[in-house]
Amino acid sequence: MDIEMRIDPQDPHPPFDQLRRQLIEQIMNRDLPAGTKLPPVRGLAADLALAPNTVARAYRELEAEGYLITRGRGGTIVAPIAAVDDETRQRAADLVADYVTGMRGLGLGPDAILGEVRRAL
């Protein structure tokens, strides 16, 4: 399967995060529906001119967040994700923005904020 991804060397986000964000967007937009088999780590890494560990990290994080399911030699597939309408998506985005603003107000950076979210999940 051809996945449309682009890593921008000028983007301030590291490549694994760019890949992670693009995959989330495609999963949530149903461009990558549940059950879609993703390319092997090494194949996608070669296609994007990235180190395999970079792609592996993105896949691991997406699996931990519930977007992907890894089946060892069976590959990595997109997990079933509940459909979200535009109003719900906007409400969720507003809640996240409020949460991040509050956490930053406590002096926490992105890694600490993500850590707290992961612990809560």
PDB file of N, CA and C in Angstrom:
ATOM      1  N   MET A   1       0.848  -1.186   0.000  1.00  0.00           N
ATOM      2  CA  MET A   1       0.000   0.000   0.000  1.00  0.00           C
ATOM      3  C   MET A   1       0.885   1.238   0.000  1.00  0.00           C
ATOM      4  N   ASP A   2       0.511   2.215  -0.788  1.00  0.00           N
ATOM      5  CA  ASP A   2       1.239   3.479  -0.803  1.00  0.00           C
ATOM      6  C   ASP A   2       0.590   4.434   0.184  1.00  0.00           C
ATOM      7  N   ILE A   3       1.394   4.883   1.127  1.00  0.00           N
ATOM      8  CA  ILE A   3       0.925   5.858   2.104  1.00  0.00           C
ATOM      9  C   ILE A   3       1.550   7.185   1.739  1.00  0.00           C
ATOM     10  N   GLU A   4       0.714   8.211   1.667  1.00  0.00           N
ATOM     11  CA  GLU A   4       1.202   9.538   1.318  1.00  0.00           C
ATOM     12  C   GLU A   4       1.749  10.225   2.564  1.00  0.00           C
ATOM     13  N   MET A   5       3.060  10.293   2.654  1.00  0.00           N
ATOM     14  CA  MET A   5       3.737  10.939   3.776  1.00  0.00           C
ATOM     15  C   MET A   5       4.828  11.841   3.215  1.00  0.00           C
ATOM     16  N   ARG A   6       5.092  12.904   3.950  1.00  0.00           N
ATOM     17  CA  ARG A   6       6.171  13.798   3.559  1.00  0.00           C
ATOM     18  C   ARG A   6       6.836  14.289   4.830  1.00  0.00           C
ATOM     19  N   ILE A   7       8.136  14.135   4.893  1.00  0.00           N
ATOM     20  CA  ILE A   7       8.911  14.619   6.025  1.00  0.00           C
ATOM     21  C   ILE A   7       9.608  15.896   5.584  1.00  0.00           C
ATOM     22  N   ASP A   8       9.340  16.962   6.313  1.00  0.00           N
ATOM     23  CA  ASP A   8       9.885  18.275   5.976  1.00  0.00           C
ATOM     24  C   ASP A   8      11.085  18.563   6.882  1.00  0.00           C
ATOM     25  N   PRO A   9      12.293  18.615   6.311  1.00  0.00           N
ATOM     26  CA  PRO A   9      13.472  18.872   7.145  1.00  0.00           C
ATOM     27  C   PRO A   9      13.464  20.256   7.801  1.00  0.00           C
ATOM     28  N   GLN A  10      12.647  21.180   7.294  1.00  0.00           N
ATOM     29  CA  GLN A  10      12.556  22.524   7.872  1.00  0.00           C
ATOM     30  C   GLN A  10      11.531  22.600   9.001  1.00  0.00           C
ATOM     31  N   ASP A  11      10.713  21.566   9.144  1.00  0.00           N
ATOM     32  CA  ASP A  11       9.690  21.530  10.193  1.00  0.00           C
ATOM     33  C   ASP A  11      10.379  21.439  11.551  1.00  0.00           C
ATOM     34  N   PRO A  12       9.941  22.230  12.530  1.00  0.00           N
ATOM     35  CA  PRO A  12      10.576  22.167  13.855  1.00  0.00           C
ATOM     36  C   PRO A  12      10.294  20.858  14.599  1.00  0.00           C
ATOM     37  N   HIS A  13       9.270  20.113  14.180  1.00  0.00           N
ATOM     38  CA  HIS A  13       8.958  18.838  14.818  1.00  0.00           C
ATOM     39  C   HIS A  13       9.904  17.758  14.290  1.00  0.00           C
ATOM     40  N   PRO A  14      10.358  16.863  15.158  1.00  0.00           N
ATOM     41  CA  PRO A  14      11.249  15.798  14.699  1.00  0.00           C
ATOM     42  C   PRO A  14      10.525  14.874  13.714  1.00  0.00           C
ATOM     43  N   PRO A  15      11.291  14.196  12.852  1.00  0.00           N
ATOM     44  CA  PRO A  15      10.673  13.343  11.829  1.00  0.00           C
ATOM     45  C   PRO A  15       9.695  12.305  12.381  1.00  0.00           C
ATOM     46  N   PHE A  16      10.008  11.652  13.519  1.00  0.00           N
ATOM     47  CA  PHE A  16       9.082  10.650  14.038  1.00  0.00           C
ATOM     48  C   PHE A  16       7.738  11.288  14.369  1.00  0.00           C
ATOM     49  N   ASP A  17       7.752  12.534  14.869  1.00  0.00           N
ATOM     50  CA  ASP A  17       6.513  13.209  15.233  1.00  0.00           C
ATOM     51  C   ASP A  17       5.751  13.664  13.995  1.00  0.00           C
ATOM     52  N   GLN A  18       6.470  14.098  12.968  1.00  0.00           N
ATOM     53  CA  GLN A  18       5.812  14.450  11.713  1.00  0.00           C
ATOM     54  C   GLN A  18       5.085  13.225  11.153  1.00  0.00           C
ATOM     55  N   LEU A  19       5.765  12.091  11.156  1.00  0.00           N
ATOM     56  CA  LEU A  19       5.167  10.852  10.659  1.00  0.00           C
ATOM     57  C   LEU A  19       3.962  10.472  11.518  1.00  0.00           C
ATOM     58  N   ARG A  20       4.120  10.525  12.834  1.00  0.00           N
ATOM     59  CA  ARG A  20       3.055  10.194  13.775  1.00  0.00           C
ATOM     60  C   ARG A  20       1.822  11.055  13.519  1.00  0.00           C
ATOM     61  N   ARG A  21       2.015  12.356  13.397  1.00  0.00           N
ATOM     62  CA  ARG A  21       0.903  13.285  13.184  1.00  0.00           C
ATOM     63  C   ARG A  21       0.192  13.015  11.850  1.00  0.00           C
ATOM     64  N   GLN A  22       0.965  12.752  10.811  1.00  0.00           N
ATOM     65  CA  GLN A  22       0.367  12.495   9.508  1.00  0.00           C
ATOM     66  C   GLN A  22      -0.437  11.196   9.519  1.00  0.00           C
ATOM     67  N   LEU A  23       0.080  10.177  10.196  1.00  0.00           N
ATOM     68  CA  LEU A  23      -0.657   8.920  10.284  1.00  0.00           C
ATOM     69  C   LEU A  23      -1.954   9.114  11.068  1.00  0.00           C
ATOM     70  N   ILE A  24      -1.895   9.843  12.174  1.00  0.00           N
ATOM     71  CA  ILE A  24      -3.111  10.107  12.948  1.00  0.00           C
ATOM     72  C   ILE A  24      -4.146  10.814  12.081  1.00  0.00           C
ATOM     73  N   GLU A  25      -3.711  11.820  11.354  1.00  0.00           N
ATOM     74  CA  GLU A  25      -4.642  12.563  10.491  1.00  0.00           C
ATOM     75  C   GLU A  25      -5.288  11.635   9.471  1.00  0.00           C
ATOM     76  N   GLN A  26      -4.492  10.782   8.828  1.00  0.00           N
ATOM     77  CA  GLN A  26      -5.040   9.878   7.823  1.00  0.00           C
ATOM     78  C   GLN A  26      -5.958   8.827   8.441  1.00  0.00           C
ATOM     79  N   ILE A  27      -5.635   8.384   9.652  1.00  0.00           N
ATOM     80  CA  ILE A  27      -6.498   7.416  10.338  1.00  0.00           C
ATOM     81  C   ILE A  27      -7.820   8.080  10.715  1.00  0.00           C
ATOM     82  N   MET A  28      -7.761   9.256  11.299  1.00  0.00           N
ATOM     83  CA  MET A  28      -8.979   9.935  11.744  1.00  0.00           C
ATOM     84  C   MET A  28      -9.852  10.389  10.570  1.00  0.00           C
ATOM     85  N   ASN A  29      -9.231  10.691   9.433  1.00  0.00           N
ATOM     86  CA  ASN A  29      -9.984  11.082   8.236  1.00  0.00           C
ATOM     87  C   ASN A  29     -10.471   9.869   7.448  1.00  0.00           C
ATOM     88  N   ARG A  30     -10.122   8.689   7.928  1.00  0.00           N
ATOM     89  CA  ARG A  30     -10.486   7.415   7.287  1.00  0.00           C
ATOM     90  C   ARG A  30      -9.804   7.204   5.938  1.00  0.00           C
ATOM     91  N   ASP A  31      -8.724   7.955   5.679  1.00  0.00           N
ATOM     92  CA  ASP A  31      -7.902   7.676   4.502  1.00  0.00           C
ATOM     93  C   ASP A  31      -7.185   6.348   4.711  1.00  0.00           C
ATOM     94  N   LEU A  32      -6.918   6.015   5.974  1.00  0.00           N
ATOM     95  CA  LEU A  32      -6.374   4.716   6.374  1.00  0.00           C
ATOM     96  C   LEU A  32      -7.414   4.079   7.290  1.00  0.00           C
ATOM     97  N   PRO A  33      -8.360   3.328   6.733  1.00  0.00           N
ATOM     98  CA  PRO A  33      -9.417   2.754   7.561  1.00  0.00           C
ATOM     99  C   PRO A  33      -8.922   1.614   8.450  1.00  0.00           C
ATOM    100  N   ALA A  34      -9.722   1.272   9.441  1.00  0.00           N
ATOM    101  CA  ALA A  34      -9.399   0.174  10.349  1.00  0.00           C
ATOM    102  C   ALA A  34      -9.076  -1.082   9.538  1.00  0.00           C
ATOM    103  N   GLY A  35      -8.033  -1.771   9.979  1.00  0.00           N
ATOM    104  CA  GLY A  35      -7.626  -3.006   9.318  1.00  0.00           C
ATOM    105  C   GLY A  35      -6.607  -2.820   8.210  1.00  0.00           C
ATOM    106  N   THR A  36      -6.345  -1.577   7.828  1.00  0.00           N
ATOM    107  CA  THR A  36      -5.356  -1.317   6.781  1.00  0.00           C
ATOM    108  C   THR A  36      -3.980  -1.740   7.280  1.00  0.00           C
ATOM    109  N   LYS A  37      -3.305  -2.529   6.485  1.00  0.00           N
ATOM    110  CA  LYS A  37      -1.952  -2.957   6.848  1.00  0.00           C
ATOM    111  C   LYS A  37      -0.958  -1.877   6.426  1.00  0.00           C
ATOM    112  N   LEU A  38      -0.136  -1.458   7.380  1.00  0.00           N
ATOM    113  CA  LEU A  38       0.872  -0.435   7.101  1.00  0.00           C
ATOM    114  C   LEU A  38       2.135  -1.092   6.561  1.00  0.00           C
ATOM    115  N   PRO A  39       2.948  -0.325   5.850  1.00  0.00           N
ATOM    116  CA  PRO A  39       4.198  -0.878   5.331  1.00  0.00           C
ATOM    117  C   PRO A  39       5.117  -1.291   6.482  1.00  0.00           C
ATOM    118  N   PRO A  40       5.975  -2.273   6.239  1.00  0.00           N
ATOM    119  CA  PRO A  40       6.960  -2.627   7.264  1.00  0.00           C
ATOM    120  C   PRO A  40       7.837  -1.418   7.593  1.00  0.00           C
ATOM    121  N   VAL A  41       8.353  -1.409   8.798  1.00  0.00           N
ATOM    122  CA  VAL A  41       9.177  -0.299   9.280  1.00  0.00           C
ATOM    123  C   VAL A  41      10.303   0.008   8.297  1.00  0.00           C
ATOM    124  N   ARG A  42      11.041  -0.995   7.909  1.00  0.00           N
ATOM    125  CA  ARG A  42      12.185  -0.747   7.016  1.00  0.00           C
ATOM    126  C   ARG A  42      11.765  -0.227   5.658  1.00  0.00           C
ATOM    127  N   GLY A  43      10.655  -0.723   5.147  1.00  0.00           N
ATOM    128  CA  GLY A  43      10.174  -0.254   3.847  1.00  0.00           C
ATOM    129  C   GLY A  43       9.764   1.204   3.885  1.00  0.00           C
ATOM    130  N   LEU A  44       8.991   1.582   4.905  1.00  0.00           N
ATOM    131  CA  LEU A  44       8.560   2.970   5.017  1.00  0.00           C
ATOM    132  C   LEU A  44       9.752   3.882   5.292  1.00  0.00           C
ATOM    133  N   ALA A  45      10.685   3.395   6.105  1.00  0.00           N
ATOM    134  CA  ALA A  45      11.893   4.182   6.393  1.00  0.00           C
ATOM    135  C   ALA A  45      12.662   4.461   5.110  1.00  0.00           C
ATOM    136  N   ALA A  46      12.802   3.450   4.277  1.00  0.00           N
ATOM    137  CA  ALA A  46      13.516   3.633   3.008  1.00  0.00           C
ATOM    138  C   ALA A  46      12.775   4.610   2.104  1.00  0.00           C
ATOM    139  N   ASP A  47      11.443   4.476   2.026  1.00  0.00           N
ATOM    140  CA  ASP A  47      10.645   5.374   1.181  1.00  0.00           C
ATOM    141  C   ASP A  47      10.766   6.832   1.613  1.00  0.00           C
ATOM    142  N   LEU A  48      10.884   7.054   2.937  1.00  0.00           N
ATOM    143  CA  LEU A  48      10.929   8.420   3.462  1.00  0.00           C
ATOM    144  C   LEU A  48      12.347   8.904   3.757  1.00  0.00           C
ATOM    145  N   ALA A  49      13.340   8.077   3.441  1.00  0.00           N
ATOM    146  CA  ALA A  49      14.748   8.397   3.710  1.00  0.00           C
ATOM    147  C   ALA A  49      14.959   8.686   5.201  1.00  0.00           C
ATOM    148  N   LEU A  50      14.390   7.818   6.039  1.00  0.00           N
ATOM    149  CA  LEU A  50      14.526   7.929   7.491  1.00  0.00           C
ATOM    150  C   LEU A  50      15.222   6.694   8.031  1.00  0.00           C
ATOM    151  N   ALA A  51      15.728   6.813   9.233  1.00  0.00           N
ATOM    152  CA  ALA A  51      16.280   5.649   9.918  1.00  0.00           C
ATOM    153  C   ALA A  51      15.124   4.739  10.338  1.00  0.00           C
ATOM    154  N   PRO A  52      15.290   3.433  10.255  1.00  0.00           N
ATOM    155  CA  PRO A  52      14.223   2.522  10.686  1.00  0.00           C
ATOM    156  C   PRO A  52      13.754   2.781  12.119  1.00  0.00           C
ATOM    157  N   ASN A  53      14.676   3.167  13.010  1.00  0.00           N
ATOM    158  CA  ASN A  53      14.283   3.451  14.391  1.00  0.00           C
ATOM    159  C   ASN A  53      13.312   4.626  14.485  1.00  0.00           C
ATOM    160  N   THR A  54      13.396   5.554  13.557  1.00  0.00           N
ATOM    161  CA  THR A  54      12.488   6.707  13.546  1.00  0.00           C
ATOM    162  C   THR A  54      11.063   6.244  13.260  1.00  0.00           C
ATOM    163  N   VAL A  55      10.916   5.395  12.246  1.00  0.00           N
ATOM    164  CA  VAL A  55       9.594   4.869  11.903  1.00  0.00           C
ATOM    165  C   VAL A  55       9.097   3.953  13.020  1.00  0.00           C
ATOM    166  N   ALA A  56       9.978   3.120  13.558  1.00  0.00           N
ATOM    167  CA  ALA A  56       9.596   2.212  14.639  1.00  0.00           C
ATOM    168  C   ALA A  56       9.077   2.996  15.844  1.00  0.00           C
ATOM    169  N   ARG A  57       9.705   4.115  16.150  1.00  0.00           N
ATOM    170  CA  ARG A  57       9.259   4.935  17.284  1.00  0.00           C
ATOM    171  C   ARG A  57       7.858   5.479  17.026  1.00  0.00           C
ATOM    172  N   ALA A  58       7.620   5.979  15.818  1.00  0.00           N
ATOM    173  CA  ALA A  58       6.291   6.506  15.479  1.00  0.00           C
ATOM    174  C   ALA A  58       5.248   5.396  15.608  1.00  0.00           C
ATOM    175  N   TYR A  59       5.544   4.212  15.081  1.00  0.00           N
ATOM    176  CA  TYR A  59       4.615   3.089  15.178  1.00  0.00           C
ATOM    177  C   TYR A  59       4.372   2.714  16.638  1.00  0.00           C
ATOM    178  N   ARG A  60       5.427   2.650  17.450  1.00  0.00           N
ATOM    179  CA  ARG A  60       5.282   2.293  18.869  1.00  0.00           C
ATOM    180  C   ARG A  60       4.383   3.285  19.599  1.00  0.00           C
ATOM    181  N   GLU A  61       4.612   4.565  19.355  1.00  0.00           N
ATOM    182  CA  GLU A  61       3.807   5.582  20.030  1.00  0.00           C
ATOM    183  C   GLU A  61       2.348   5.506  19.594  1.00  0.00           C
ATOM    184  N   LEU A  62       2.131   5.271  18.304  1.00  0.00           N
ATOM    185  CA  LEU A  62       0.762   5.167  17.809  1.00  0.00           C
ATOM    186  C   LEU A  62       0.071   3.913  18.347  1.00  0.00           C
ATOM    187  N   GLU A  63       0.834   2.872  18.548  1.00  0.00           N
ATOM    188  CA  GLU A  63       0.258   1.670  19.150  1.00  0.00           C
ATOM    189  C   GLU A  63      -0.113   1.954  20.608  1.00  0.00           C
ATOM    190  N   ALA A  64       0.767   2.628  21.335  1.00  0.00           N
ATOM    191  CA  ALA A  64       0.494   2.965  22.738  1.00  0.00           C
ATOM    192  C   ALA A  64      -0.720   3.889  22.853  1.00  0.00           C
ATOM    193  N   GLU A  65      -0.957   4.707  21.834  1.00  0.00           N
ATOM    194  CA  GLU A  65      -2.086   5.640  21.846  1.00  0.00           C
ATOM    195  C   GLU A  65      -3.368   5.007  21.312  1.00  0.00           C
ATOM    196  N   GLY A  66      -3.282   3.751  20.855  1.00  0.00           N
ATOM    197  CA  GLY A  66      -4.470   3.039  20.390  1.00  0.00           C
ATOM    198  C   GLY A  66      -4.809   3.191  18.925  1.00  0.00           C
ATOM    199  N   TYR A  67      -3.924   3.790  18.142  1.00  0.00           N
ATOM    200  CA  TYR A  67      -4.190   3.970  16.716  1.00  0.00           C
ATOM    201  C   TYR A  67      -3.774   2.762  15.882  1.00  0.00           C
ATOM    202  N   LEU A  68      -2.788   2.029  16.335  1.00  0.00           N
ATOM    203  CA  LEU A  68      -2.250   0.896  15.585  1.00  0.00           C
ATOM    204  C   LEU A  68      -2.249  -0.362  16.439  1.00  0.00           C
ATOM    205  N   ILE A  69      -2.234  -1.492  15.760  1.00  0.00           N
ATOM    206  CA  ILE A  69      -2.077  -2.793  16.405  1.00  0.00           C
ATOM    207  C   ILE A  69      -0.921  -3.486  15.700  1.00  0.00           C
ATOM    208  N   THR A  70       0.054  -3.938  16.484  1.00  0.00           N
ATOM    209  CA  THR A  70       1.196  -4.645  15.918  1.00  0.00           C
ATOM    210  C   THR A  70       1.031  -6.128  16.196  1.00  0.00           C
ATOM    211  N   ARG A  71       1.189  -6.917  15.146  1.00  0.00           N
ATOM    212  CA  ARG A  71       1.014  -8.356  15.252  1.00  0.00           C
ATOM    213  C   ARG A  71       2.308  -9.094  14.935  1.00  0.00           C
ATOM    214  N   GLY A  72       3.400  -8.586  15.459  1.00  0.00           N
ATOM    215  CA  GLY A  72       4.694  -9.242  15.229  1.00  0.00           C
ATOM    216  C   GLY A  72       4.975  -9.404  13.756  1.00  0.00           C
ATOM    217  N   ARG A  73       5.226 -10.639  13.348  1.00  0.00           N
ATOM    218  CA  ARG A  73       5.511 -10.912  11.928  1.00  0.00           C
ATOM    219  C   ARG A  73       4.307 -10.668  11.036  1.00  0.00           C
ATOM    220  N   GLY A  74       3.123 -10.554  11.656  1.00  0.00           N
ATOM    221  CA  GLY A  74       1.902 -10.289  10.896  1.00  0.00           C
ATOM    222  C   GLY A  74       1.773  -8.848  10.464  1.00  0.00           C
ATOM    223  N   GLY A  75       2.673  -8.001  10.929  1.00  0.00           N
ATOM    224  CA  GLY A  75       2.675  -6.608  10.515  1.00  0.00           C
ATOM    225  C   GLY A  75       1.898  -5.698  11.446  1.00  0.00           C
ATOM    226  N   THR A  76       1.757  -4.472  11.012  1.00  0.00           N
ATOM    227  CA  THR A  76       1.083  -3.429  11.780  1.00  0.00           C
ATOM    228  C   THR A  76      -0.146  -2.999  11.009  1.00  0.00           C
ATOM    229  N   ILE A  77      -1.281  -2.947  11.713  1.00  0.00           N
ATOM    230  CA  ILE A  77      -2.534  -2.533  11.080  1.00  0.00           C
ATOM    231  C   ILE A  77      -3.144  -1.372  11.835  1.00  0.00           C
ATOM    232  N   VAL A  78      -4.041  -0.675  11.156  1.00  0.00           N
ATOM    233  CA  VAL A  78      -4.774   0.423  11.773  1.00  0.00           C
ATOM    234  C   VAL A  78      -5.835  -0.180  12.686  1.00  0.00           C
ATOM    235  N   ALA A  79      -5.882   0.312  13.924  1.00  0.00           N
ATOM    236  CA  ALA A  79      -6.867  -0.152  14.907  1.00  0.00           C
ATOM    237  C   ALA A  79      -8.236   0.433  14.598  1.00  0.00           C
ATOM    238  N   PRO A  80      -9.283  -0.258  15.033  1.00  0.00           N
ATOM    239  CA  PRO A  80     -10.621   0.330  14.892  1.00  0.00           C
ATOM    240  C   PRO A  80     -10.729   1.573  15.778  1.00  0.00           C
ATOM    241  N   ILE A  81     -11.104   2.665  15.185  1.00  0.00           N
ATOM    242  CA  ILE A  81     -11.253   3.934  15.906  1.00  0.00           C
ATOM    243  C   ILE A  81     -12.692   4.402  15.676  1.00  0.00           C
ATOM    244  N   ALA A  82     -13.351   4.802  16.735  1.00  0.00           N
ATOM    245  CA  ALA A  82     -14.726   5.283  16.609  1.00  0.00           C
ATOM    246  C   ALA A  82     -14.784   6.508  15.711  1.00  0.00           C
ATOM    247  N   ALA A  83     -15.811   6.554  14.896  1.00  0.00           N
ATOM    248  CA  ALA A  83     -16.017   7.715  14.026  1.00  0.00           C
ATOM    249  C   ALA A  83     -16.359   8.930  14.888  1.00  0.00           C
ATOM    250  N   VAL A  84     -15.846  10.062  14.498  1.00  0.00           N
ATOM    251  CA  VAL A  84     -16.083  11.300  15.237  1.00  0.00           C
ATOM    252  C   VAL A  84     -16.625  12.334  14.261  1.00  0.00           C
ATOM    253  N   ASP A  85     -17.775  12.924  14.622  1.00  0.00           N
ATOM    254  CA  ASP A  85     -18.328  13.952  13.752  1.00  0.00           C
ATOM    255  C   ASP A  85     -17.582  15.268  13.970  1.00  0.00           C
ATOM    256  N   ASP A  86     -17.824  16.229  13.109  1.00  0.00           N
ATOM    257  CA  ASP A  86     -17.094  17.498  13.159  1.00  0.00           C
ATOM    258  C   ASP A  86     -17.318  18.248  14.469  1.00  0.00           C
ATOM    259  N   GLU A  87     -18.547  18.230  14.990  1.00  0.00           N
ATOM    260  CA  GLU A  87     -18.832  18.940  16.236  1.00  0.00           C
ATOM    261  C   GLU A  87     -18.073  18.308  17.405  1.00  0.00           C
ATOM    262  N   THR A  88     -18.069  16.992  17.451  1.00  0.00           N
ATOM    263  CA  THR A  88     -17.350  16.298  18.526  1.00  0.00           C
ATOM    264  C   THR A  88     -15.857  16.539  18.409  1.00  0.00           C
ATOM    265  N   ARG A  89     -15.348  16.490  17.195  1.00  0.00           N
ATOM    266  CA  ARG A  89     -13.925  16.741  16.977  1.00  0.00           C
ATOM    267  C   ARG A  89     -13.550  18.145  17.447  1.00  0.00           C
ATOM    268  N   GLN A  90     -14.389  19.131  17.149  1.00  0.00           N
ATOM    269  CA  GLN A  90     -14.109  20.504  17.571  1.00  0.00           C
ATOM    270  C   GLN A  90     -14.159  20.636  19.091  1.00  0.00           C
ATOM    271  N   ARG A  91     -15.141  20.013  19.727  1.00  0.00           N
ATOM    272  CA  ARG A  91     -15.232  20.051  21.191  1.00  0.00           C
ATOM    273  C   ARG A  91     -13.999  19.399  21.811  1.00  0.00           C
ATOM    274  N   ALA A  92     -13.562  18.281  21.219  1.00  0.00           N
ATOM    275  CA  ALA A  92     -12.366  17.601  21.724  1.00  0.00           C
ATOM    276  C   ALA A  92     -11.145  18.503  21.567  1.00  0.00           C
ATOM    277  N   ALA A  93     -11.023  19.156  20.425  1.00  0.00           N
ATOM    278  CA  ALA A  93      -9.885  20.053  20.192  1.00  0.00           C
ATOM    279  C   ALA A  93      -9.888  21.199  21.200  1.00  0.00           C
ATOM    280  N   ASP A  94     -11.076  21.724  21.503  1.00  0.00           N
ATOM    281  CA  ASP A  94     -11.174  22.801  22.490  1.00  0.00           C
ATOM    282  C   ASP A  94     -10.750  22.322  23.879  1.00  0.00           C
ATOM    283  N   LEU A  95     -11.195  21.132  24.271  1.00  0.00           N
ATOM    284  CA  LEU A  95     -10.811  20.568  25.571  1.00  0.00           C
ATOM    285  C   LEU A  95      -9.303  20.368  25.656  1.00  0.00           C
ATOM    286  N   VAL A  96      -8.726  19.849  24.585  1.00  0.00           N
ATOM    287  CA  VAL A  96      -7.280  19.620  24.565  1.00  0.00           C
ATOM    288  C   VAL A  96      -6.539  20.947  24.680  1.00  0.00           C
ATOM    289  N   ALA A  97      -6.988  21.946  23.939  1.00  0.00           N
ATOM    290  CA  ALA A  97      -6.328  23.260  23.990  1.00  0.00           C
ATOM    291  C   ALA A  97      -6.388  23.839  25.407  1.00  0.00           C
ATOM    292  N   ASP A  98      -7.536  23.721  26.057  1.00  0.00           N
ATOM    293  CA  ASP A  98      -7.666  24.209  27.437  1.00  0.00           C
ATOM    294  C   ASP A  98      -6.732  23.445  28.372  1.00  0.00           C
ATOM    295  N   TYR A  99      -6.664  22.130  28.203  1.00  0.00           N
ATOM    296  CA  TYR A  99      -5.810  21.296  29.043  1.00  0.00           C
ATOM    297  C   TYR A  99      -4.335  21.684  28.868  1.00  0.00           C
ATOM    298  N   VAL A 100      -3.914  21.794  27.615  1.00  0.00           N
ATOM    299  CA  VAL A 100      -2.511  22.127  27.341  1.00  0.00           C
ATOM    300  C   VAL A 100      -2.187  23.513  27.901  1.00  0.00           C
ATOM    301  N   THR A 101      -3.080  24.455  27.738  1.00  0.00           N
ATOM    302  CA  THR A 101      -2.848  25.793  28.285  1.00  0.00           C
ATOM    303  C   THR A 101      -2.685  25.735  29.803  1.00  0.00           C
ATOM    304  N   GLY A 102      -3.550  24.980  30.466  1.00  0.00           N
ATOM    305  CA  GLY A 102      -3.450  24.841  31.914  1.00  0.00           C
ATOM    306  C   GLY A 102      -2.155  24.173  32.349  1.00  0.00           C
ATOM    307  N   MET A 103      -1.764  23.126  31.647  1.00  0.00           N
ATOM    308  CA  MET A 103      -0.532  22.410  31.989  1.00  0.00           C
ATOM    309  C   MET A 103       0.693  23.291  31.746  1.00  0.00           C
ATOM    310  N   ARG A 104       0.678  24.055  30.663  1.00  0.00           N
ATOM    311  CA  ARG A 104       1.792  24.977  30.410  1.00  0.00           C
ATOM    312  C   ARG A 104       1.848  26.055  31.480  1.00  0.00           C
ATOM    313  N   GLY A 105       0.673  26.454  31.971  1.00  0.00           N
ATOM    314  CA  GLY A 105       0.609  27.420  33.056  1.00  0.00           C
ATOM    315  C   GLY A 105       1.257  26.890  34.334  1.00  0.00           C
ATOM    316  N   LEU A 106       1.302  25.577  34.470  1.00  0.00           N
ATOM    317  CA  LEU A 106       1.990  24.953  35.608  1.00  0.00           C
ATOM    318  C   LEU A 106       3.490  24.817  35.364  1.00  0.00           C
ATOM    319  N   GLY A 107       3.913  25.210  34.167  1.00  0.00           N
ATOM    320  CA  GLY A 107       5.335  25.143  33.838  1.00  0.00           C
ATOM    321  C   GLY A 107       5.763  23.836  33.210  1.00  0.00           C
ATOM    322  N   LEU A 108       4.812  23.008  32.789  1.00  0.00           N
ATOM    323  CA  LEU A 108       5.158  21.720  32.187  1.00  0.00           C
ATOM    324  C   LEU A 108       5.374  21.859  30.690  1.00  0.00           C
ATOM    325  N   GLY A 109       6.346  21.121  30.184  1.00  0.00           N
ATOM    326  CA  GLY A 109       6.634  21.105  28.763  1.00  0.00           C
ATOM    327  C   GLY A 109       5.892  19.972  28.061  1.00  0.00           C
ATOM    328  N   PRO A 110       6.060  19.870  26.735  1.00  0.00           N
ATOM    329  CA  PRO A 110       5.324  18.874  25.951  1.00  0.00           C
ATOM    330  C   PRO A 110       5.516  17.430  26.433  1.00  0.00           C
ATOM    331  N   ASP A 111       6.739  17.040  26.749  1.00  0.00           N
ATOM    332  CA  ASP A 111       6.965  15.659  27.178  1.00  0.00           C
ATOM    333  C   ASP A 111       6.263  15.359  28.498  1.00  0.00           C
ATOM    334  N   ALA A 112       6.299  16.291  29.423  1.00  0.00           N
ATOM    335  CA  ALA A 112       5.630  16.091  30.708  1.00  0.00           C
ATOM    336  C   ALA A 112       4.109  16.040  30.526  1.00  0.00           C
ATOM    337  N   ILE A 113       3.595  16.893  29.655  1.00  0.00           N
ATOM    338  CA  ILE A 113       2.152  16.909  29.400  1.00  0.00           C
ATOM    339  C   ILE A 113       1.726  15.580  28.788  1.00  0.00           C
ATOM    340  N   LEU A 114       2.456  15.119  27.770  1.00  0.00           N
ATOM    341  CA  LEU A 114       2.134  13.825  27.160  1.00  0.00           C
ATOM    342  C   LEU A 114       2.245  12.690  28.167  1.00  0.00           C
ATOM    343  N   GLY A 115       3.235  12.759  29.030  1.00  0.00           N
ATOM    344  CA  GLY A 115       3.395  11.738  30.057  1.00  0.00           C
ATOM    345  C   GLY A 115       2.177  11.674  30.962  1.00  0.00           C
ATOM    346  N   GLU A 116       1.659  12.823  31.340  1.00  0.00           N
ATOM    347  CA  GLU A 116       0.463  12.859  32.198  1.00  0.00           C
ATOM    348  C   GLU A 116      -0.758  12.286  31.468  1.00  0.00           C
ATOM    349  N   VAL A 117      -0.877  12.607  30.190  1.00  0.00           N
ATOM    350  CA  VAL A 117      -1.992  12.058  29.418  1.00  0.00           C
ATOM    351  C   VAL A 117      -1.878  10.542  29.314  1.00  0.00           C
ATOM    352  N   ARG A 118      -0.687  10.050  29.029  1.00  0.00           N
ATOM    353  CA  ARG A 118      -0.488   8.590  28.932  1.00  0.00           C
ATOM    354  C   ARG A 118      -0.820   7.907  30.255  1.00  0.00           C
ATOM    355  N   ARG A 119      -0.408   8.506  31.357  1.00  0.00           N
ATOM    356  CA  ARG A 119      -0.719   7.912  32.673  1.00  0.00           C
ATOM    357  C   ARG A 119      -2.220   7.887  32.903  1.00  0.00           C
ATOM    358  N   ALA A 120      -2.904   8.941  32.486  1.00  0.00           N
ATOM    359  CA  ALA A 120      -4.354   9.005  32.681  1.00  0.00           C
ATOM    360  C   ALA A 120      -5.090   7.974  31.823  1.00  0.00           C
ATOM    361  N   LEU A 121      -4.542   7.684  30.659  1.00  0.00           N
ATOM    362  CA  LEU A 121      -5.183   6.695  29.789  1.00  0.00           C
ATOM    363  C   LEU A 121      -4.893   5.296  30.258  1.00  0.00           C
TER     364      LEU A 121
END
